Amino acid sequence: MTCPWIPIRALGGAVAVVSAAIAGTFLSAGPAQALTCAAPPGAPASIVEIDGTTGCGANTDATSGAWGYSDGGVGFADASSGAFVIGAGLSGGVGAGESRGGQLAAVGFGADALALGVLDDPAAAVVLSGPQSQAYVGDDADPMLCEGAASAAVNFATGRSCVVIGTFRYATP
């Protein structure tokens, strides 16, 4: 009999390694102008800030919260129907998230990094992408994508995920 938790533990370890690698590059990054766009629940809001090549945006209805953060990149969050979304772009990366009723975090770090999350159903997901990498997570009908040198995407509601670290690649069916 096989244990169904072994692949999940392996995935959790791989996501931790990707997160640590991306966090390590945060510490070595030079200072940049950080921007924060916050649209907490309570009132509809649409906020955009741009400073050179750095930008953030947050768009929300009264029931949701959206937070975009950028430190040398682009961070964008769009939330509605009770969703909570965080999008962060750091050191040239793009982190963008959009959710209708779910919880989502998308973080892109480094040159040519793109972390994109789109949830049309209530779910919870995390999308991480490092330099020269892409990660995508979608709703139940959409495929997941992890490409490049360091990326990870997990949809906790469906159990679907993928991780790429150098030549190591892992994806759930």
N, C-alpha and C. Protein backbone atom coordinates (compact mmCIF):
# COMPACT_ATOMS: atom_id res chain seq x y z
N MET A 1 0.84 -1.17 0.00
CA MET A 1 0.00 0.00 0.00
C MET A 1 0.89 1.24 0.00
N THR A 2 0.58 2.18 -0.85
CA THR A 2 1.38 3.40 -0.91
C THR A 2 0.72 4.49 -0.09
N CYS A 3 1.54 5.35 0.41
CA CYS A 3 1.05 6.48 1.22
C CYS A 3 0.81 7.69 0.32
N PRO A 4 -0.44 8.21 0.28
CA PRO A 4 -0.72 9.35 -0.60
C PRO A 4 -0.03 10.62 -0.13
N TRP A 5 0.48 10.65 1.10
CA TRP A 5 1.10 11.87 1.62
C TRP A 5 2.55 12.02 1.17
N ILE A 6 3.17 10.96 0.69
CA ILE A 6 4.57 11.06 0.27
C ILE A 6 4.74 12.05 -0.88
N PRO A 7 3.92 12.00 -1.97
CA PRO A 7 4.08 13.00 -3.02
C PRO A 7 3.80 14.42 -2.51
N ILE A 8 2.83 14.56 -1.61
CA ILE A 8 2.51 15.88 -1.08
C ILE A 8 3.67 16.40 -0.24
N ARG A 9 4.29 15.53 0.56
CA ARG A 9 5.46 15.94 1.36
C ARG A 9 6.62 16.30 0.45
N ALA A 10 6.83 15.52 -0.61
CA ALA A 10 7.89 15.84 -1.56
C ALA A 10 7.64 17.17 -2.23
N LEU A 11 6.39 17.41 -2.60
CA LEU A 11 6.03 18.70 -3.20
C LEU A 11 6.25 19.83 -2.21
N GLY A 12 5.83 19.64 -0.97
CA GLY A 12 6.03 20.67 0.06
C GLY A 12 7.51 20.98 0.24
N GLY A 13 8.36 19.96 0.23
CA GLY A 13 9.79 20.18 0.34
C GLY A 13 10.34 20.92 -0.86
N ALA A 14 9.86 20.57 -2.05
CA ALA A 14 10.32 21.26 -3.27
C ALA A 14 9.89 22.71 -3.27
N VAL A 15 8.64 22.98 -2.85
CA VAL A 15 8.18 24.37 -2.77
C VAL A 15 9.01 25.14 -1.75
N ALA A 16 9.36 24.51 -0.64
CA ALA A 16 10.20 25.17 0.37
C ALA A 16 11.58 25.51 -0.20
N VAL A 17 12.15 24.61 -0.98
CA VAL A 17 13.46 24.86 -1.60
C VAL A 17 13.38 26.02 -2.59
N VAL A 18 12.33 26.04 -3.43
CA VAL A 18 12.15 27.15 -4.38
C VAL A 18 11.98 28.45 -3.62
N SER A 19 11.17 28.43 -2.56
CA SER A 19 10.95 29.63 -1.76
C SER A 19 12.25 30.12 -1.13
N ALA A 20 13.05 29.19 -0.61
CA ALA A 20 14.32 29.57 -0.01
C ALA A 20 15.28 30.15 -1.04
N ALA A 21 15.31 29.56 -2.24
CA ALA A 21 16.18 30.08 -3.30
C ALA A 21 15.76 31.49 -3.70
N ILE A 22 14.46 31.71 -3.84
CA ILE A 22 13.98 33.04 -4.20
C ILE A 22 14.23 34.02 -3.05
N ALA A 23 14.00 33.59 -1.80
CA ALA A 23 14.24 34.46 -0.66
C ALA A 23 15.72 34.82 -0.54
N GLY A 24 16.60 33.87 -0.86
CA GLY A 24 18.04 34.15 -0.82
C GLY A 24 18.44 35.24 -1.79
N THR A 25 17.80 35.26 -2.94
CA THR A 25 18.11 36.31 -3.90
C THR A 25 17.51 37.65 -3.47
N PHE A 26 16.44 37.63 -2.66
CA PHE A 26 15.91 38.88 -2.10
C PHE A 26 16.99 39.57 -1.26
N LEU A 27 17.68 38.77 -0.46
CA LEU A 27 18.67 39.34 0.45
C LEU A 27 19.86 39.94 -0.28
N SER A 28 20.16 39.42 -1.47
CA SER A 28 21.31 39.93 -2.21
C SER A 28 20.93 41.04 -3.19
N ALA A 29 19.64 41.36 -3.29
CA ALA A 29 19.19 42.40 -4.24
C ALA A 29 19.54 43.79 -3.72
N GLY A 30 19.85 44.68 -4.63
CA GLY A 30 20.14 46.05 -4.28
C GLY A 30 18.87 46.81 -3.95
N PRO A 31 19.01 47.98 -3.32
CA PRO A 31 17.83 48.75 -2.97
C PRO A 31 17.13 49.32 -4.20
N ALA A 32 15.82 49.38 -4.14
CA ALA A 32 15.01 49.96 -5.21
C ALA A 32 13.84 50.70 -4.56
N GLN A 33 13.16 51.50 -5.35
CA GLN A 33 11.99 52.20 -4.85
C GLN A 33 10.83 51.22 -4.75
N ALA A 34 10.35 50.98 -3.54
CA ALA A 34 9.23 50.06 -3.34
C ALA A 34 7.91 50.82 -3.41
N LEU A 35 6.91 50.17 -4.00
CA LEU A 35 5.57 50.72 -4.09
C LEU A 35 4.58 49.71 -3.52
N THR A 36 3.57 50.22 -2.82
CA THR A 36 2.52 49.38 -2.28
C THR A 36 1.17 49.93 -2.70
N CYS A 37 0.32 49.08 -3.24
CA CYS A 37 -1.05 49.43 -3.60
C CYS A 37 -1.96 48.55 -2.75
N ALA A 38 -2.69 49.16 -1.83
CA ALA A 38 -3.53 48.41 -0.91
C ALA A 38 -4.99 48.78 -1.11
N ALA A 39 -5.83 47.77 -1.28
CA ALA A 39 -7.27 47.96 -1.40
C ALA A 39 -7.95 46.95 -0.48
N PRO A 40 -8.00 47.26 0.83
CA PRO A 40 -8.61 46.33 1.78
C PRO A 40 -10.12 46.27 1.62
N PRO A 41 -10.76 45.25 2.21
CA PRO A 41 -12.21 45.15 2.13
C PRO A 41 -12.89 46.37 2.75
N GLY A 42 -14.08 46.65 2.29
CA GLY A 42 -14.85 47.74 2.86
C GLY A 42 -15.42 48.69 1.84
N ALA A 43 -14.69 48.96 0.79
CA ALA A 43 -15.16 49.85 -0.27
C ALA A 43 -14.50 49.46 -1.58
N PRO A 44 -15.20 49.58 -2.70
CA PRO A 44 -14.56 49.30 -3.99
C PRO A 44 -13.38 50.25 -4.21
N ALA A 45 -12.32 49.73 -4.82
CA ALA A 45 -11.14 50.56 -5.06
C ALA A 45 -10.39 50.09 -6.29
N SER A 46 -9.74 51.02 -6.94
CA SER A 46 -8.86 50.72 -8.06
C SER A 46 -7.66 51.66 -7.93
N ILE A 47 -6.51 51.09 -7.60
CA ILE A 47 -5.31 51.87 -7.32
C ILE A 47 -4.21 51.44 -8.26
N VAL A 48 -3.51 52.40 -8.84
CA VAL A 48 -2.35 52.12 -9.69
C VAL A 48 -1.27 53.13 -9.35
N GLU A 49 -0.04 52.64 -9.15
CA GLU A 49 1.11 53.51 -8.95
C GLU A 49 2.23 53.05 -9.87
N ILE A 50 2.88 54.01 -10.52
CA ILE A 50 3.98 53.71 -11.43
C ILE A 50 5.12 54.68 -11.15
N ASP A 51 6.32 54.13 -11.03
CA ASP A 51 7.52 54.94 -10.83
C ASP A 51 8.62 54.32 -11.71
N GLY A 52 8.79 54.87 -12.90
CA GLY A 52 9.76 54.31 -13.85
C GLY A 52 9.33 52.93 -14.30
N THR A 53 10.17 51.92 -14.05
CA THR A 53 9.85 50.54 -14.43
C THR A 53 9.22 49.75 -13.28
N THR A 54 8.95 50.43 -12.18
CA THR A 54 8.32 49.80 -11.02
C THR A 54 6.86 50.21 -10.98
N GLY A 55 5.99 49.26 -10.73
CA GLY A 55 4.57 49.59 -10.65
C GLY A 55 3.79 48.59 -9.85
N CYS A 56 2.65 49.06 -9.31
CA CYS A 56 1.76 48.16 -8.59
C CYS A 56 0.33 48.57 -8.87
N GLY A 57 -0.57 47.64 -8.64
CA GLY A 57 -1.98 47.90 -8.82
C GLY A 57 -2.80 47.01 -7.92
N ALA A 58 -3.95 47.53 -7.49
CA ALA A 58 -4.89 46.76 -6.69
C ALA A 58 -6.29 47.17 -7.10
N ASN A 59 -7.11 46.18 -7.41
CA ASN A 59 -8.48 46.42 -7.84
C ASN A 59 -9.39 45.49 -7.05
N THR A 60 -10.45 46.04 -6.45
CA THR A 60 -11.31 45.22 -5.61
C THR A 60 -12.72 45.76 -5.53
N ASP A 61 -13.65 44.86 -5.20
CA ASP A 61 -15.01 45.29 -4.87
C ASP A 61 -15.06 45.46 -3.35
N ALA A 62 -16.20 45.81 -2.80
CA ALA A 62 -16.31 46.09 -1.37
C ALA A 62 -16.13 44.86 -0.49
N THR A 63 -16.30 43.66 -1.04
CA THR A 63 -16.24 42.43 -0.25
C THR A 63 -14.85 41.79 -0.22
N SER A 64 -13.91 42.33 -0.97
CA SER A 64 -12.63 41.66 -1.17
C SER A 64 -11.46 42.54 -0.76
N GLY A 65 -10.27 41.93 -0.74
CA GLY A 65 -9.05 42.67 -0.47
C GLY A 65 -8.00 42.35 -1.51
N ALA A 66 -7.31 43.38 -1.99
CA ALA A 66 -6.26 43.19 -3.00
C ALA A 66 -5.06 44.04 -2.60
N TRP A 67 -3.87 43.44 -2.70
CA TRP A 67 -2.64 44.15 -2.35
C TRP A 67 -1.59 43.89 -3.42
N GLY A 68 -1.09 44.94 -4.03
CA GLY A 68 -0.01 44.84 -5.00
C GLY A 68 1.23 45.46 -4.38
N TYR A 69 2.37 44.79 -4.55
CA TYR A 69 3.63 45.29 -4.01
C TYR A 69 4.70 45.15 -5.08
N SER A 70 5.53 46.17 -5.18
CA SER A 70 6.61 46.14 -6.16
C SER A 70 7.86 46.75 -5.57
N ASP A 71 8.95 46.08 -5.78
CA ASP A 71 10.27 46.58 -5.40
C ASP A 71 11.19 46.29 -6.58
N GLY A 72 11.11 47.18 -7.60
CA GLY A 72 11.90 46.99 -8.80
C GLY A 72 11.23 46.08 -9.81
N GLY A 73 9.94 45.85 -9.71
CA GLY A 73 9.20 44.99 -10.63
C GLY A 73 7.78 45.50 -10.78
N VAL A 74 6.86 44.57 -11.03
CA VAL A 74 5.44 44.92 -11.15
C VAL A 74 4.63 43.93 -10.32
N GLY A 75 3.78 44.46 -9.45
CA GLY A 75 2.88 43.64 -8.64
C GLY A 75 1.45 44.10 -8.84
N PHE A 76 0.55 43.17 -9.15
CA PHE A 76 -0.84 43.52 -9.42
C PHE A 76 -1.77 42.49 -8.79
N ALA A 77 -2.87 42.97 -8.20
CA ALA A 77 -3.86 42.10 -7.59
C ALA A 77 -5.26 42.58 -7.95
N ASP A 78 -6.13 41.64 -8.31
CA ASP A 78 -7.52 41.93 -8.65
C ASP A 78 -8.39 40.92 -7.90
N ALA A 79 -9.30 41.42 -7.05
CA ALA A 79 -10.11 40.54 -6.22
C ALA A 79 -11.57 40.95 -6.22
N SER A 80 -12.45 39.94 -6.24
CA SER A 80 -13.88 40.21 -6.13
C SER A 80 -14.58 39.01 -5.50
N SER A 81 -15.82 39.21 -5.11
CA SER A 81 -16.65 38.14 -4.53
C SER A 81 -16.04 37.53 -3.27
N GLY A 82 -15.48 38.37 -2.40
CA GLY A 82 -14.91 37.89 -1.15
C GLY A 82 -13.51 37.34 -1.25
N ALA A 83 -12.79 37.61 -2.30
CA ALA A 83 -11.43 37.10 -2.50
C ALA A 83 -10.39 37.94 -1.76
N PHE A 84 -9.24 37.34 -1.50
CA PHE A 84 -8.07 38.03 -0.98
C PHE A 84 -6.89 37.67 -1.88
N VAL A 85 -6.27 38.68 -2.49
CA VAL A 85 -5.22 38.45 -3.48
C VAL A 85 -4.02 39.34 -3.17
N ILE A 86 -2.82 38.76 -3.30
CA ILE A 86 -1.56 39.48 -3.17
C ILE A 86 -0.76 39.22 -4.44
N GLY A 87 -0.25 40.28 -5.06
CA GLY A 87 0.64 40.17 -6.22
C GLY A 87 1.89 40.98 -5.94
N ALA A 88 3.06 40.35 -6.03
CA ALA A 88 4.32 41.04 -5.74
C ALA A 88 5.32 40.81 -6.86
N GLY A 89 5.93 41.90 -7.33
CA GLY A 89 6.98 41.82 -8.34
C GLY A 89 8.25 42.45 -7.78
N LEU A 90 9.34 41.70 -7.82
CA LEU A 90 10.58 42.14 -7.18
C LEU A 90 11.76 41.98 -8.13
N SER A 91 12.63 42.96 -8.12
CA SER A 91 13.88 42.92 -8.88
C SER A 91 13.68 42.54 -10.35
N GLY A 92 12.71 43.15 -10.99
CA GLY A 92 12.46 42.90 -12.41
C GLY A 92 11.39 41.87 -12.68
N GLY A 93 10.85 41.24 -11.65
CA GLY A 93 9.83 40.22 -11.82
C GLY A 93 8.43 40.78 -11.81
N VAL A 94 7.49 39.96 -12.27
CA VAL A 94 6.07 40.32 -12.29
C VAL A 94 5.31 39.27 -11.49
N GLY A 95 4.50 39.74 -10.55
CA GLY A 95 3.59 38.88 -9.80
C GLY A 95 2.19 39.43 -9.98
N ALA A 96 1.30 38.65 -10.58
CA ALA A 96 -0.06 39.12 -10.85
C ALA A 96 -1.06 38.05 -10.46
N GLY A 97 -2.10 38.47 -9.75
CA GLY A 97 -3.12 37.53 -9.33
C GLY A 97 -4.52 38.10 -9.51
N GLU A 98 -5.45 37.22 -9.86
CA GLU A 98 -6.85 37.59 -10.02
C GLU A 98 -7.70 36.45 -9.48
N SER A 99 -8.64 36.78 -8.58
CA SER A 99 -9.47 35.75 -8.00
C SER A 99 -10.89 36.23 -7.78
N ARG A 100 -11.81 35.31 -7.95
CA ARG A 100 -13.22 35.53 -7.67
C ARG A 100 -13.60 34.58 -6.54
N GLY A 101 -13.50 35.07 -5.31
CA GLY A 101 -13.91 34.27 -4.16
C GLY A 101 -12.85 33.39 -3.55
N GLY A 102 -11.61 33.48 -3.99
CA GLY A 102 -10.56 32.62 -3.45
C GLY A 102 -9.45 33.42 -2.78
N GLN A 103 -8.43 32.71 -2.33
CA GLN A 103 -7.24 33.32 -1.75
C GLN A 103 -6.07 32.95 -2.64
N LEU A 104 -5.28 33.97 -3.02
CA LEU A 104 -4.22 33.76 -4.00
C LEU A 104 -3.04 34.66 -3.69
N ALA A 105 -1.83 34.11 -3.81
CA ALA A 105 -0.60 34.89 -3.71
C ALA A 105 0.27 34.57 -4.92
N ALA A 106 0.76 35.60 -5.61
CA ALA A 106 1.63 35.44 -6.77
C ALA A 106 2.85 36.31 -6.58
N VAL A 107 4.05 35.70 -6.62
CA VAL A 107 5.30 36.43 -6.42
C VAL A 107 6.27 36.10 -7.55
N GLY A 108 6.72 37.14 -8.26
CA GLY A 108 7.74 36.99 -9.29
C GLY A 108 8.98 37.75 -8.88
N PHE A 109 10.13 37.07 -8.89
CA PHE A 109 11.38 37.70 -8.47
C PHE A 109 12.46 37.48 -9.51
N GLY A 110 13.08 38.57 -9.94
CA GLY A 110 14.22 38.49 -10.84
C GLY A 110 13.84 38.81 -12.27
N ALA A 111 14.87 39.02 -13.07
CA ALA A 111 14.66 39.37 -14.48
C ALA A 111 13.87 38.30 -15.21
N ASP A 112 12.88 38.71 -15.98
CA ASP A 112 12.05 37.83 -16.79
C ASP A 112 11.30 36.78 -15.98
N ALA A 113 10.97 37.10 -14.73
CA ALA A 113 10.15 36.20 -13.91
C ALA A 113 8.69 36.60 -14.05
N LEU A 114 7.83 35.62 -14.23
CA LEU A 114 6.39 35.86 -14.30
C LEU A 114 5.66 34.82 -13.47
N ALA A 115 4.98 35.30 -12.44
CA ALA A 115 4.11 34.44 -11.63
C ALA A 115 2.69 34.95 -11.84
N LEU A 116 1.82 34.10 -12.38
CA LEU A 116 0.47 34.51 -12.73
C LEU A 116 -0.52 33.51 -12.15
N GLY A 117 -1.49 34.04 -11.42
CA GLY A 117 -2.54 33.19 -10.86
C GLY A 117 -3.90 33.72 -11.24
N VAL A 118 -4.79 32.82 -11.66
CA VAL A 118 -6.16 33.18 -12.01
C VAL A 118 -7.08 32.11 -11.41
N LEU A 119 -7.94 32.54 -10.49
CA LEU A 119 -8.89 31.62 -9.87
C LEU A 119 -10.30 32.15 -10.08
N ASP A 120 -11.10 31.41 -10.85
CA ASP A 120 -12.50 31.78 -11.06
C ASP A 120 -13.40 31.11 -10.05
N ASP A 121 -12.91 30.09 -9.36
CA ASP A 121 -13.68 29.36 -8.36
C ASP A 121 -13.08 29.63 -6.99
N PRO A 122 -13.88 29.51 -5.92
CA PRO A 122 -13.29 29.64 -4.58
C PRO A 122 -12.22 28.57 -4.39
N ALA A 123 -11.03 28.99 -4.15
CA ALA A 123 -9.89 28.09 -3.98
C ALA A 123 -8.78 28.87 -3.26
N ALA A 124 -7.69 28.19 -2.98
CA ALA A 124 -6.51 28.82 -2.41
C ALA A 124 -5.31 28.37 -3.23
N ALA A 125 -4.45 29.30 -3.62
CA ALA A 125 -3.30 28.95 -4.46
C ALA A 125 -2.13 29.87 -4.19
N VAL A 126 -0.93 29.36 -4.49
CA VAL A 126 0.32 30.11 -4.39
C VAL A 126 1.09 29.89 -5.69
N VAL A 127 1.65 30.98 -6.24
CA VAL A 127 2.43 30.91 -7.47
C VAL A 127 3.73 31.66 -7.23
N LEU A 128 4.87 30.99 -7.47
CA LEU A 128 6.20 31.59 -7.27
C LEU A 128 7.03 31.41 -8.53
N SER A 129 7.77 32.45 -8.90
CA SER A 129 8.63 32.34 -10.06
C SER A 129 9.92 33.10 -9.82
N GLY A 130 11.04 32.49 -10.20
CA GLY A 130 12.35 33.12 -10.08
C GLY A 130 12.83 33.63 -11.42
N PRO A 131 14.07 34.08 -11.50
CA PRO A 131 14.62 34.65 -12.73
C PRO A 131 14.48 33.72 -13.94
N GLN A 132 14.14 34.30 -15.08
CA GLN A 132 13.95 33.56 -16.35
C GLN A 132 13.01 32.38 -16.21
N SER A 133 11.96 32.53 -15.40
CA SER A 133 11.02 31.44 -15.16
C SER A 133 9.58 31.95 -15.20
N GLN A 134 8.67 31.01 -15.41
CA GLN A 134 7.24 31.32 -15.42
C GLN A 134 6.50 30.27 -14.62
N ALA A 135 5.49 30.72 -13.89
CA ALA A 135 4.60 29.80 -13.19
C ALA A 135 3.18 30.32 -13.33
N TYR A 136 2.24 29.40 -13.52
CA TYR A 136 0.84 29.76 -13.71
C TYR A 136 -0.04 28.76 -12.99
N VAL A 137 -1.08 29.26 -12.36
CA VAL A 137 -2.11 28.40 -11.79
C VAL A 137 -3.45 28.98 -12.20
N GLY A 138 -4.36 28.10 -12.60
CA GLY A 138 -5.69 28.53 -13.02
C GLY A 138 -6.76 27.79 -12.25
N ASP A 139 -8.00 27.98 -12.64
CA ASP A 139 -9.10 27.29 -11.98
C ASP A 139 -9.12 25.83 -12.40
N ASP A 140 -10.18 25.11 -12.01
CA ASP A 140 -10.25 23.66 -12.27
C ASP A 140 -10.06 23.28 -13.73
N ALA A 141 -10.52 24.11 -14.66
CA ALA A 141 -10.47 23.76 -16.08
C ALA A 141 -9.14 24.10 -16.74
N ASP A 142 -8.30 24.88 -16.10
CA ASP A 142 -7.05 25.35 -16.72
C ASP A 142 -5.85 24.50 -16.32
N PRO A 143 -4.90 24.33 -17.23
CA PRO A 143 -3.68 23.59 -16.87
C PRO A 143 -2.74 24.46 -16.04
N MET A 144 -1.84 23.79 -15.35
CA MET A 144 -0.81 24.49 -14.58
C MET A 144 0.45 24.51 -15.43
N LEU A 145 1.33 25.45 -15.14
CA LEU A 145 2.55 25.59 -15.91
C LEU A 145 3.68 26.02 -15.00
N CYS A 146 4.78 25.32 -15.04
CA CYS A 146 6.02 25.73 -14.37
C CYS A 146 7.14 25.54 -15.39
N GLU A 147 7.83 26.63 -15.73
CA GLU A 147 8.92 26.57 -16.70
C GLU A 147 10.09 27.41 -16.21
N GLY A 148 11.26 27.14 -16.74
CA GLY A 148 12.44 27.94 -16.43
C GLY A 148 13.32 27.26 -15.40
N ALA A 149 14.02 28.08 -14.59
CA ALA A 149 15.00 27.57 -13.65
C ALA A 149 14.45 27.38 -12.24
N ALA A 150 13.46 28.20 -11.83
CA ALA A 150 12.91 28.11 -10.48
C ALA A 150 11.48 28.63 -10.48
N SER A 151 10.53 27.71 -10.39
CA SER A 151 9.13 28.12 -10.34
C SER A 151 8.31 27.06 -9.62
N ALA A 152 7.19 27.51 -9.06
CA ALA A 152 6.29 26.59 -8.36
C ALA A 152 4.88 27.17 -8.39
N ALA A 153 3.90 26.28 -8.49
CA ALA A 153 2.49 26.67 -8.45
C ALA A 153 1.72 25.56 -7.73
N VAL A 154 0.85 25.97 -6.80
CA VAL A 154 0.06 25.01 -6.05
C VAL A 154 -1.36 25.53 -5.94
N ASN A 155 -2.33 24.68 -6.31
CA ASN A 155 -3.74 24.97 -6.08
C ASN A 155 -4.18 24.02 -4.97
N PHE A 156 -4.35 24.55 -3.77
CA PHE A 156 -4.65 23.71 -2.61
C PHE A 156 -6.04 23.09 -2.68
N ALA A 157 -6.97 23.71 -3.38
CA ALA A 157 -8.32 23.17 -3.51
C ALA A 157 -8.37 21.93 -4.38
N THR A 158 -7.58 21.91 -5.45
CA THR A 158 -7.59 20.77 -6.36
C THR A 158 -6.48 19.77 -6.08
N GLY A 159 -5.44 20.20 -5.35
CA GLY A 159 -4.29 19.35 -5.10
C GLY A 159 -3.32 19.31 -6.26
N ARG A 160 -3.58 20.08 -7.31
CA ARG A 160 -2.68 20.11 -8.47
C ARG A 160 -1.52 21.06 -8.19
N SER A 161 -0.33 20.68 -8.69
CA SER A 161 0.85 21.51 -8.44
C SER A 161 1.95 21.15 -9.43
N CYS A 162 2.92 22.06 -9.50
CA CYS A 162 4.14 21.80 -10.27
C CYS A 162 5.29 22.57 -9.64
N VAL A 163 6.50 22.02 -9.82
CA VAL A 163 7.72 22.62 -9.29
C VAL A 163 8.84 22.40 -10.29
N VAL A 164 9.64 23.44 -10.52
CA VAL A 164 10.85 23.33 -11.33
C VAL A 164 11.99 23.97 -10.55
N ILE A 165 13.07 23.22 -10.37
CA ILE A 165 14.28 23.73 -9.75
C ILE A 165 15.44 23.21 -10.58
N GLY A 166 15.99 24.06 -11.42
CA GLY A 166 17.06 23.61 -12.32
C GLY A 166 16.55 22.52 -13.24
N THR A 167 17.17 21.34 -13.18
CA THR A 167 16.75 20.24 -14.04
C THR A 167 15.67 19.37 -13.39
N PHE A 168 15.39 19.60 -12.10
CA PHE A 168 14.34 18.84 -11.41
C PHE A 168 12.97 19.40 -11.81
N ARG A 169 12.07 18.49 -12.21
CA ARG A 169 10.71 18.88 -12.57
C ARG A 169 9.73 17.90 -11.92
N TYR A 170 8.69 18.47 -11.33
CA TYR A 170 7.66 17.64 -10.71
C TYR A 170 6.31 18.27 -10.98
N ALA A 171 5.33 17.46 -11.33
CA ALA A 171 3.96 17.94 -11.54
C ALA A 171 2.98 16.87 -11.15
N THR A 172 1.91 17.26 -10.48
CA THR A 172 0.85 16.31 -10.18
C THR A 172 -0.06 16.22 -11.40
N PRO A 173 -0.72 15.09 -11.55
CA PRO A 173 -1.62 14.93 -12.69
C PRO A 173 -2.80 15.89 -12.64
